[in-house]
Amino acid sequence: MVRRHEVTDQAWAVIGPLLVPPRMGRPVRDRRQVLDGILWKLSTGAAWRDLPERYGPWKTVYERFRRWSADGTWDRLLAHVQ
């Protein structure tokens, strides 16, 4: 069941390939789970620390959003879906 602020399977098929995991370093958290957490936060306006546990640690989701914003990934993703 897809919740209101979460990405559908159809949308993930389009968005997922844009969020390639890094080649080196430690394993990354599920990219779809992180994206759903970011969308929940942006949709609700809640504090990062209030992120529901189903999206993983709030700090991980926040750091990924910061990284994707800084490296242009977030802008590319938004342009692609528009």
PDB file of N, CA and C in Angstrom:
ATOM      1  N   MET A   1       0.837  -1.182   0.000  1.00  0.00           N
ATOM      2  CA  MET A   1       0.000   0.000   0.000  1.00  0.00           C
ATOM      3  C   MET A   1       0.888   1.254   0.000  1.00  0.00           C
ATOM      4  N   VAL A   2       0.650   2.139  -0.926  1.00  0.00           N
ATOM      5  CA  VAL A   2       1.413   3.384  -1.012  1.00  0.00           C
ATOM      6  C   VAL A   2       0.693   4.457  -0.204  1.00  0.00           C
ATOM      7  N   ARG A   3       1.426   5.075   0.695  1.00  0.00           N
ATOM      8  CA  ARG A   3       0.844   6.149   1.496  1.00  0.00           C
ATOM      9  C   ARG A   3       0.839   7.442   0.692  1.00  0.00           C
ATOM     10  N   ARG A   4       0.130   8.409   1.191  1.00  0.00           N
ATOM     11  CA  ARG A   4      -0.092   9.655   0.464  1.00  0.00           C
ATOM     12  C   ARG A   4       1.183  10.362   0.023  1.00  0.00           C
ATOM     13  N   HIS A   5       2.207  10.387   0.836  1.00  0.00           N
ATOM     14  CA  HIS A   5       3.431  11.127   0.508  1.00  0.00           C
ATOM     15  C   HIS A   5       4.513  10.242  -0.082  1.00  0.00           C
ATOM     16  N   GLU A   6       4.154   9.052  -0.529  1.00  0.00           N
ATOM     17  CA  GLU A   6       5.163   8.119  -1.012  1.00  0.00           C
ATOM     18  C   GLU A   6       5.076   7.923  -2.523  1.00  0.00           C
ATOM     19  N   VAL A   7       6.179   7.511  -3.093  1.00  0.00           N
ATOM     20  CA  VAL A   7       6.309   7.333  -4.540  1.00  0.00           C
ATOM     21  C   VAL A   7       5.660   6.010  -4.968  1.00  0.00           C
ATOM     22  N   THR A   8       4.865   6.049  -6.021  1.00  0.00           N
ATOM     23  CA  THR A   8       4.248   4.833  -6.553  1.00  0.00           C
ATOM     24  C   THR A   8       5.290   4.015  -7.303  1.00  0.00           C
ATOM     25  N   ASP A   9       4.975   2.759  -7.587  1.00  0.00           N
ATOM     26  CA  ASP A   9       5.881   1.911  -8.361  1.00  0.00           C
ATOM     27  C   ASP A   9       6.125   2.507  -9.742  1.00  0.00           C
ATOM     28  N   GLN A  10       5.083   3.066 -10.345  1.00  0.00           N
ATOM     29  CA  GLN A  10       5.199   3.668 -11.676  1.00  0.00           C
ATOM     30  C   GLN A  10       6.133   4.883 -11.644  1.00  0.00           C
ATOM     31  N   ALA A  11       5.979   5.731 -10.627  1.00  0.00           N
ATOM     32  CA  ALA A  11       6.853   6.905 -10.506  1.00  0.00           C
ATOM     33  C   ALA A  11       8.285   6.475 -10.197  1.00  0.00           C
ATOM     34  N   TRP A  12       8.455   5.443  -9.357  1.00  0.00           N
ATOM     35  CA  TRP A  12       9.790   4.975  -9.009  1.00  0.00           C
ATOM     36  C   TRP A  12      10.524   4.449 -10.237  1.00  0.00           C
ATOM     37  N   ALA A  13       9.802   3.831 -11.161  1.00  0.00           N
ATOM     38  CA  ALA A  13      10.425   3.319 -12.388  1.00  0.00           C
ATOM     39  C   ALA A  13      11.068   4.454 -13.174  1.00  0.00           C
ATOM     40  N   VAL A  14      10.516   5.651 -13.077  1.00  0.00           N
ATOM     41  CA  VAL A  14      11.058   6.820 -13.780  1.00  0.00           C
ATOM     42  C   VAL A  14      12.149   7.499 -12.957  1.00  0.00           C
ATOM     43  N   ILE A  15      11.930   7.620 -11.655  1.00  0.00           N
ATOM     44  CA  ILE A  15      12.829   8.370 -10.778  1.00  0.00           C
ATOM     45  C   ILE A  15      14.039   7.552 -10.321  1.00  0.00           C
ATOM     46  N   GLY A  16      13.842   6.294 -10.013  1.00  0.00           N
ATOM     47  CA  GLY A  16      14.884   5.444  -9.455  1.00  0.00           C
ATOM     48  C   GLY A  16      16.216   5.488 -10.187  1.00  0.00           C
ATOM     49  N   PRO A  17      16.207   5.361 -11.523  1.00  0.00           N
ATOM     50  CA  PRO A  17      17.481   5.384 -12.243  1.00  0.00           C
ATOM     51  C   PRO A  17      18.265   6.702 -12.103  1.00  0.00           C
ATOM     52  N   LEU A  18      17.586   7.781 -11.729  1.00  0.00           N
ATOM     53  CA  LEU A  18      18.269   9.065 -11.551  1.00  0.00           C
ATOM     54  C   LEU A  18      19.030   9.125 -10.232  1.00  0.00           C
ATOM     55  N   LEU A  19      18.727   8.228  -9.329  1.00  0.00           N
ATOM     56  CA  LEU A  19      19.330   8.235  -7.998  1.00  0.00           C
ATOM     57  C   LEU A  19      20.287   7.057  -7.853  1.00  0.00           C
ATOM     58  N   VAL A  20      21.305   7.055  -8.670  1.00  0.00           N
ATOM     59  CA  VAL A  20      22.270   5.954  -8.651  1.00  0.00           C
ATOM     60  C   VAL A  20      23.084   5.987  -7.364  1.00  0.00           C
ATOM     61  N   PRO A  21      23.320   4.812  -6.771  1.00  0.00           N
ATOM     62  CA  PRO A  21      24.115   4.781  -5.538  1.00  0.00           C
ATOM     63  C   PRO A  21      25.583   5.039  -5.836  1.00  0.00           C
ATOM     64  N   PRO A  22      26.322   5.555  -4.850  1.00  0.00           N
ATOM     65  CA  PRO A  22      27.753   5.781  -5.051  1.00  0.00           C
ATOM     66  C   PRO A  22      28.472   4.454  -5.274  1.00  0.00           C
ATOM     67  N   ARG A  23      29.583   4.487  -5.981  1.00  0.00           N
ATOM     68  CA  ARG A  23      30.335   3.268  -6.296  1.00  0.00           C
ATOM     69  C   ARG A  23      31.204   2.807  -5.145  1.00  0.00           C
ATOM     70  N   MET A  24      31.584   3.718  -4.286  1.00  0.00           N
ATOM     71  CA  MET A  24      32.485   3.367  -3.181  1.00  0.00           C
ATOM     72  C   MET A  24      31.831   3.757  -1.854  1.00  0.00           C
ATOM     73  N   GLY A  25      32.414   3.277  -0.794  1.00  0.00           N
ATOM     74  CA  GLY A  25      31.919   3.632   0.530  1.00  0.00           C
ATOM     75  C   GLY A  25      31.025   2.551   1.094  1.00  0.00           C
ATOM     76  N   ARG A  26      30.423   2.871   2.212  1.00  0.00           N
ATOM     77  CA  ARG A  26      29.570   1.884   2.867  1.00  0.00           C
ATOM     78  C   ARG A  26      28.232   1.762   2.143  1.00  0.00           C
ATOM     79  N   PRO A  27      27.518   0.661   2.357  1.00  0.00           N
ATOM     80  CA  PRO A  27      26.229   0.462   1.692  1.00  0.00           C
ATOM     81  C   PRO A  27      25.254   1.577   2.043  1.00  0.00           C
ATOM     82  N   VAL A  28      24.455   1.971   1.098  1.00  0.00           N
ATOM     83  CA  VAL A  28      23.511   3.065   1.318  1.00  0.00           C
ATOM     84  C   VAL A  28      22.142   2.519   1.690  1.00  0.00           C
ATOM     85  N   ARG A  29      21.407   3.325   2.412  1.00  0.00           N
ATOM     86  CA  ARG A  29      20.031   2.984   2.770  1.00  0.00           C
ATOM     87  C   ARG A  29      19.192   2.975   1.491  1.00  0.00           C
ATOM     88  N   ASP A  30      18.116   2.248   1.522  1.00  0.00           N
ATOM     89  CA  ASP A  30      17.202   2.141   0.390  1.00  0.00           C
ATOM     90  C   ASP A  30      16.845   3.537  -0.133  1.00  0.00           C
ATOM     91  N   ARG A  31      17.186   3.795  -1.383  1.00  0.00           N
ATOM     92  CA  ARG A  31      16.979   5.126  -1.959  1.00  0.00           C
ATOM     93  C   ARG A  31      15.505   5.506  -2.016  1.00  0.00           C
ATOM     94  N   ARG A  32      14.642   4.540  -2.286  1.00  0.00           N
ATOM     95  CA  ARG A  32      13.209   4.837  -2.345  1.00  0.00           C
ATOM     96  C   ARG A  32      12.681   5.212  -0.966  1.00  0.00           C
ATOM     97  N   GLN A  33      13.128   4.519   0.069  1.00  0.00           N
ATOM     98  CA  GLN A  33      12.718   4.828   1.434  1.00  0.00           C
ATOM     99  C   GLN A  33      13.161   6.244   1.806  1.00  0.00           C
ATOM    100  N   VAL A  34      14.375   6.596   1.446  1.00  0.00           N
ATOM    101  CA  VAL A  34      14.889   7.940   1.730  1.00  0.00           C
ATOM    102  C   VAL A  34      14.083   8.989   0.963  1.00  0.00           C
ATOM    103  N   LEU A  35      13.829   8.738  -0.313  1.00  0.00           N
ATOM    104  CA  LEU A  35      13.045   9.685  -1.106  1.00  0.00           C
ATOM    105  C   LEU A  35      11.649   9.871  -0.508  1.00  0.00           C
ATOM    106  N   ASP A  36      11.021   8.778  -0.095  1.00  0.00           N
ATOM    107  CA  ASP A  36       9.709   8.884   0.543  1.00  0.00           C
ATOM    108  C   ASP A  36       9.789   9.724   1.812  1.00  0.00           C
ATOM    109  N   GLY A  37      10.858   9.570   2.575  1.00  0.00           N
ATOM    110  CA  GLY A  37      11.046  10.374   3.782  1.00  0.00           C
ATOM    111  C   GLY A  37      11.202  11.856   3.464  1.00  0.00           C
ATOM    112  N   ILE A  38      11.960  12.152   2.431  1.00  0.00           N
ATOM    113  CA  ILE A  38      12.130  13.550   2.006  1.00  0.00           C
ATOM    114  C   ILE A  38      10.796  14.133   1.576  1.00  0.00           C
ATOM    115  N   LEU A  39      10.049  13.384   0.781  1.00  0.00           N
ATOM    116  CA  LEU A  39       8.743  13.863   0.312  1.00  0.00           C
ATOM    117  C   LEU A  39       7.780  14.071   1.476  1.00  0.00           C
ATOM    118  N   TRP A  40       7.831  13.162   2.466  1.00  0.00           N
ATOM    119  CA  TRP A  40       6.974  13.326   3.644  1.00  0.00           C
ATOM    120  C   TRP A  40       7.319  14.621   4.366  1.00  0.00           C
ATOM    121  N   LYS A  41       8.607  14.850   4.572  1.00  0.00           N
ATOM    122  CA  LYS A  41       9.044  16.053   5.289  1.00  0.00           C
ATOM    123  C   LYS A  41       8.650  17.311   4.541  1.00  0.00           C
ATOM    124  N   LEU A  42       8.895  17.339   3.226  1.00  0.00           N
ATOM    125  CA  LEU A  42       8.578  18.526   2.444  1.00  0.00           C
ATOM    126  C   LEU A  42       7.069  18.756   2.347  1.00  0.00           C
ATOM    127  N   SER A  43       6.293  17.682   2.322  1.00  0.00           N
ATOM    128  CA  SER A  43       4.834  17.812   2.221  1.00  0.00           C
ATOM    129  C   SER A  43       4.191  18.256   3.520  1.00  0.00           C
ATOM    130  N   THR A  44       4.738  17.801   4.629  1.00  0.00           N
ATOM    131  CA  THR A  44       4.122  18.110   5.916  1.00  0.00           C
ATOM    132  C   THR A  44       4.674  19.377   6.560  1.00  0.00           C
ATOM    133  N   GLY A  45       5.915  19.718   6.236  1.00  0.00           N
ATOM    134  CA  GLY A  45       6.542  20.872   6.875  1.00  0.00           C
ATOM    135  C   GLY A  45       7.015  20.579   8.289  1.00  0.00           C
ATOM    136  N   ALA A  46       6.963  19.323   8.692  1.00  0.00           N
ATOM    137  CA  ALA A  46       7.392  18.936  10.038  1.00  0.00           C
ATOM    138  C   ALA A  46       8.917  19.046  10.156  1.00  0.00           C
ATOM    139  N   ALA A  47       9.386  19.014  11.376  1.00  0.00           N
ATOM    140  CA  ALA A  47      10.823  19.029  11.624  1.00  0.00           C
ATOM    141  C   ALA A  47      11.425  17.692  11.195  1.00  0.00           C
ATOM    142  N   TRP A  48      12.694  17.714  10.773  1.00  0.00           N
ATOM    143  CA  TRP A  48      13.367  16.477  10.370  1.00  0.00           C
ATOM    144  C   TRP A  48      13.304  15.442  11.484  1.00  0.00           C
ATOM    145  N   ARG A  49      13.450  15.857  12.719  1.00  0.00           N
ATOM    146  CA  ARG A  49      13.457  14.924  13.855  1.00  0.00           C
ATOM    147  C   ARG A  49      12.109  14.242  14.059  1.00  0.00           C
ATOM    148  N   ASP A  50      11.050  14.769  13.452  1.00  0.00           N
ATOM    149  CA  ASP A  50       9.722  14.177  13.576  1.00  0.00           C
ATOM    150  C   ASP A  50       9.419  13.180  12.464  1.00  0.00           C
ATOM    151  N   LEU A  51      10.405  12.881  11.638  1.00  0.00           N
ATOM    152  CA  LEU A  51      10.226  11.938  10.542  1.00  0.00           C
ATOM    153  C   LEU A  51       9.808  10.566  11.081  1.00  0.00           C
ATOM    154  N   PRO A  52       8.729   9.966  10.553  1.00  0.00           N
ATOM    155  CA  PRO A  52       8.316   8.640  11.026  1.00  0.00           C
ATOM    156  C   PRO A  52       9.427   7.603  10.839  1.00  0.00           C
ATOM    157  N   GLU A  53       9.492   6.661  11.744  1.00  0.00           N
ATOM    158  CA  GLU A  53      10.545   5.640  11.735  1.00  0.00           C
ATOM    159  C   GLU A  53      10.561   4.814  10.450  1.00  0.00           C
ATOM    160  N   ARG A  54       9.424   4.678   9.775  1.00  0.00           N
ATOM    161  CA  ARG A  54       9.373   3.842   8.562  1.00  0.00           C
ATOM    162  C   ARG A  54      10.279   4.368   7.447  1.00  0.00           C
ATOM    163  N   TYR A  55      10.718   5.624   7.551  1.00  0.00           N
ATOM    164  CA  TYR A  55      11.603   6.204   6.537  1.00  0.00           C
ATOM    165  C   TYR A  55      13.069   6.089   6.915  1.00  0.00           C
ATOM    166  N   GLY A  56      13.352   5.495   8.048  1.00  0.00           N
ATOM    167  CA  GLY A  56      14.735   5.353   8.488  1.00  0.00           C
ATOM    168  C   GLY A  56      15.122   6.487   9.420  1.00  0.00           C
ATOM    169  N   PRO A  57      16.379   6.505   9.831  1.00  0.00           N
ATOM    170  CA  PRO A  57      16.845   7.563  10.738  1.00  0.00           C
ATOM    171  C   PRO A  57      16.697   8.953  10.098  1.00  0.00           C
ATOM    172  N   TRP A  58      16.154   9.886  10.851  1.00  0.00           N
ATOM    173  CA  TRP A  58      15.915  11.222  10.314  1.00  0.00           C
ATOM    174  C   TRP A  58      17.200  11.850   9.811  1.00  0.00           C
ATOM    175  N   LYS A  59      18.288  11.617  10.527  1.00  0.00           N
ATOM    176  CA  LYS A  59      19.561  12.238  10.140  1.00  0.00           C
ATOM    177  C   LYS A  59      20.057  11.710   8.794  1.00  0.00           C
ATOM    178  N   THR A  60      19.851  10.432   8.525  1.00  0.00           N
ATOM    179  CA  THR A  60      20.239   9.854   7.241  1.00  0.00           C
ATOM    180  C   THR A  60      19.446  10.499   6.106  1.00  0.00           C
ATOM    181  N   VAL A  61      18.144  10.629   6.302  1.00  0.00           N
ATOM    182  CA  VAL A  61      17.279  11.230   5.281  1.00  0.00           C
ATOM    183  C   VAL A  61      17.667  12.690   5.060  1.00  0.00           C
ATOM    184  N   TYR A  62      17.906  13.419   6.148  1.00  0.00           N
ATOM    185  CA  TYR A  62      18.317  14.814   6.051  1.00  0.00           C
ATOM    186  C   TYR A  62      19.647  14.960   5.309  1.00  0.00           C
ATOM    187  N   GLU A  63      20.619  14.123   5.672  1.00  0.00           N
ATOM    188  CA  GLU A  63      21.937  14.202   5.024  1.00  0.00           C
ATOM    189  C   GLU A  63      21.834  13.892   3.530  1.00  0.00           C
ATOM    190  N   ARG A  64      21.024  12.913   3.174  1.00  0.00           N
ATOM    191  CA  ARG A  64      20.863  12.584   1.750  1.00  0.00           C
ATOM    192  C   ARG A  64      20.205  13.748   1.007  1.00  0.00           C
ATOM    193  N   PHE A  65      19.192  14.375   1.619  1.00  0.00           N
ATOM    194  CA  PHE A  65      18.551  15.534   0.997  1.00  0.00           C
ATOM    195  C   PHE A  65      19.568  16.660   0.815  1.00  0.00           C
ATOM    196  N   ARG A  66      20.385  16.919   1.829  1.00  0.00           N
ATOM    197  CA  ARG A  66      21.431  17.951   1.733  1.00  0.00           C
ATOM    198  C   ARG A  66      22.402  17.642   0.605  1.00  0.00           C
ATOM    199  N   ARG A  67      22.848  16.384   0.534  1.00  0.00           N
ATOM    200  CA  ARG A  67      23.812  15.978  -0.495  1.00  0.00           C
ATOM    201  C   ARG A  67      23.196  16.099  -1.889  1.00  0.00           C
ATOM    202  N   TRP A  68      21.967  15.593  -2.045  1.00  0.00           N
ATOM    203  CA  TRP A  68      21.312  15.664  -3.349  1.00  0.00           C
ATOM    204  C   TRP A  68      21.034  17.109  -3.754  1.00  0.00           C
ATOM    205  N   SER A  69      20.747  17.978  -2.794  1.00  0.00           N
ATOM    206  CA  SER A  69      20.530  19.398  -3.100  1.00  0.00           C
ATOM    207  C   SER A  69      21.842  20.055  -3.518  1.00  0.00           C
ATOM    208  N   ALA A  70      22.917  19.753  -2.807  1.00  0.00           N
ATOM    209  CA  ALA A  70      24.219  20.377  -3.074  1.00  0.00           C
ATOM    210  C   ALA A  70      24.824  19.926  -4.401  1.00  0.00           C
ATOM    211  N   ASP A  71      24.657  18.654  -4.753  1.00  0.00           N
ATOM    212  CA  ASP A  71      25.299  18.164  -5.980  1.00  0.00           C
ATOM    213  C   ASP A  71      24.418  18.266  -7.232  1.00  0.00           C
ATOM    214  N   GLY A  72      23.225  18.842  -7.079  1.00  0.00           N
ATOM    215  CA  GLY A  72      22.347  19.056  -8.237  1.00  0.00           C
ATOM    216  C   GLY A  72      21.416  17.896  -8.549  1.00  0.00           C
ATOM    217  N   THR A  73      21.526  16.800  -7.805  1.00  0.00           N
ATOM    218  CA  THR A  73      20.665  15.643  -8.053  1.00  0.00           C
ATOM    219  C   THR A  73      19.198  15.996  -7.867  1.00  0.00           C
ATOM    220  N   TRP A  74      18.876  16.725  -6.807  1.00  0.00           N
ATOM    221  CA  TRP A  74      17.492  17.092  -6.522  1.00  0.00           C
ATOM    222  C   TRP A  74      16.915  17.951  -7.653  1.00  0.00           C
ATOM    223  N   ASP A  75      17.685  18.914  -8.156  1.00  0.00           N
ATOM    224  CA  ASP A  75      17.219  19.761  -9.262  1.00  0.00           C
ATOM    225  C   ASP A  75      16.996  18.937 -10.525  1.00  0.00           C
ATOM    226  N   ARG A  76      17.901  18.008 -10.817  1.00  0.00           N
ATOM    227  CA  ARG A  76      17.744  17.146 -11.998  1.00  0.00           C
ATOM    228  C   ARG A  76      16.511  16.254 -11.869  1.00  0.00           C
ATOM    229  N   LEU A  77      16.290  15.739 -10.681  1.00  0.00           N
ATOM    230  CA  LEU A  77      15.136  14.895 -10.441  1.00  0.00           C
ATOM    231  C   LEU A  77      13.841  15.680 -10.658  1.00  0.00           C
ATOM    232  N   LEU A  78      13.761  16.862 -10.084  1.00  0.00           N
ATOM    233  CA  LEU A  78      12.559  17.686 -10.234  1.00  0.00           C
ATOM    234  C   LEU A  78      12.328  18.082 -11.689  1.00  0.00           C
ATOM    235  N   ALA A  79      13.384  18.455 -12.391  1.00  0.00           N
ATOM    236  CA  ALA A  79      13.257  18.816 -13.815  1.00  0.00           C
ATOM    237  C   ALA A  79      12.785  17.618 -14.630  1.00  0.00           C
ATOM    238  N   HIS A  80      13.267  16.443 -14.307  1.00  0.00           N
ATOM    239  CA  HIS A  80      12.904  15.230 -15.052  1.00  0.00           C
ATOM    240  C   HIS A  80      11.426  14.884 -14.872  1.00  0.00           C
ATOM    241  N   VAL A  81      10.924  15.007 -13.649  1.00  0.00           N
ATOM    242  CA  VAL A  81       9.530  14.639 -13.419  1.00  0.00           C
ATOM    243  C   VAL A  81       8.547  15.727 -13.868  1.00  0.00           C
ATOM    244  N   GLN A  82       9.035  16.938 -14.023  1.00  0.00           N
ATOM    245  CA  GLN A  82       8.162  18.004 -14.520  1.00  0.00           C
ATOM    246  C   GLN A  82       8.009  17.870 -16.009  1.00  0.00           C
TER     247      GLN A  82
END
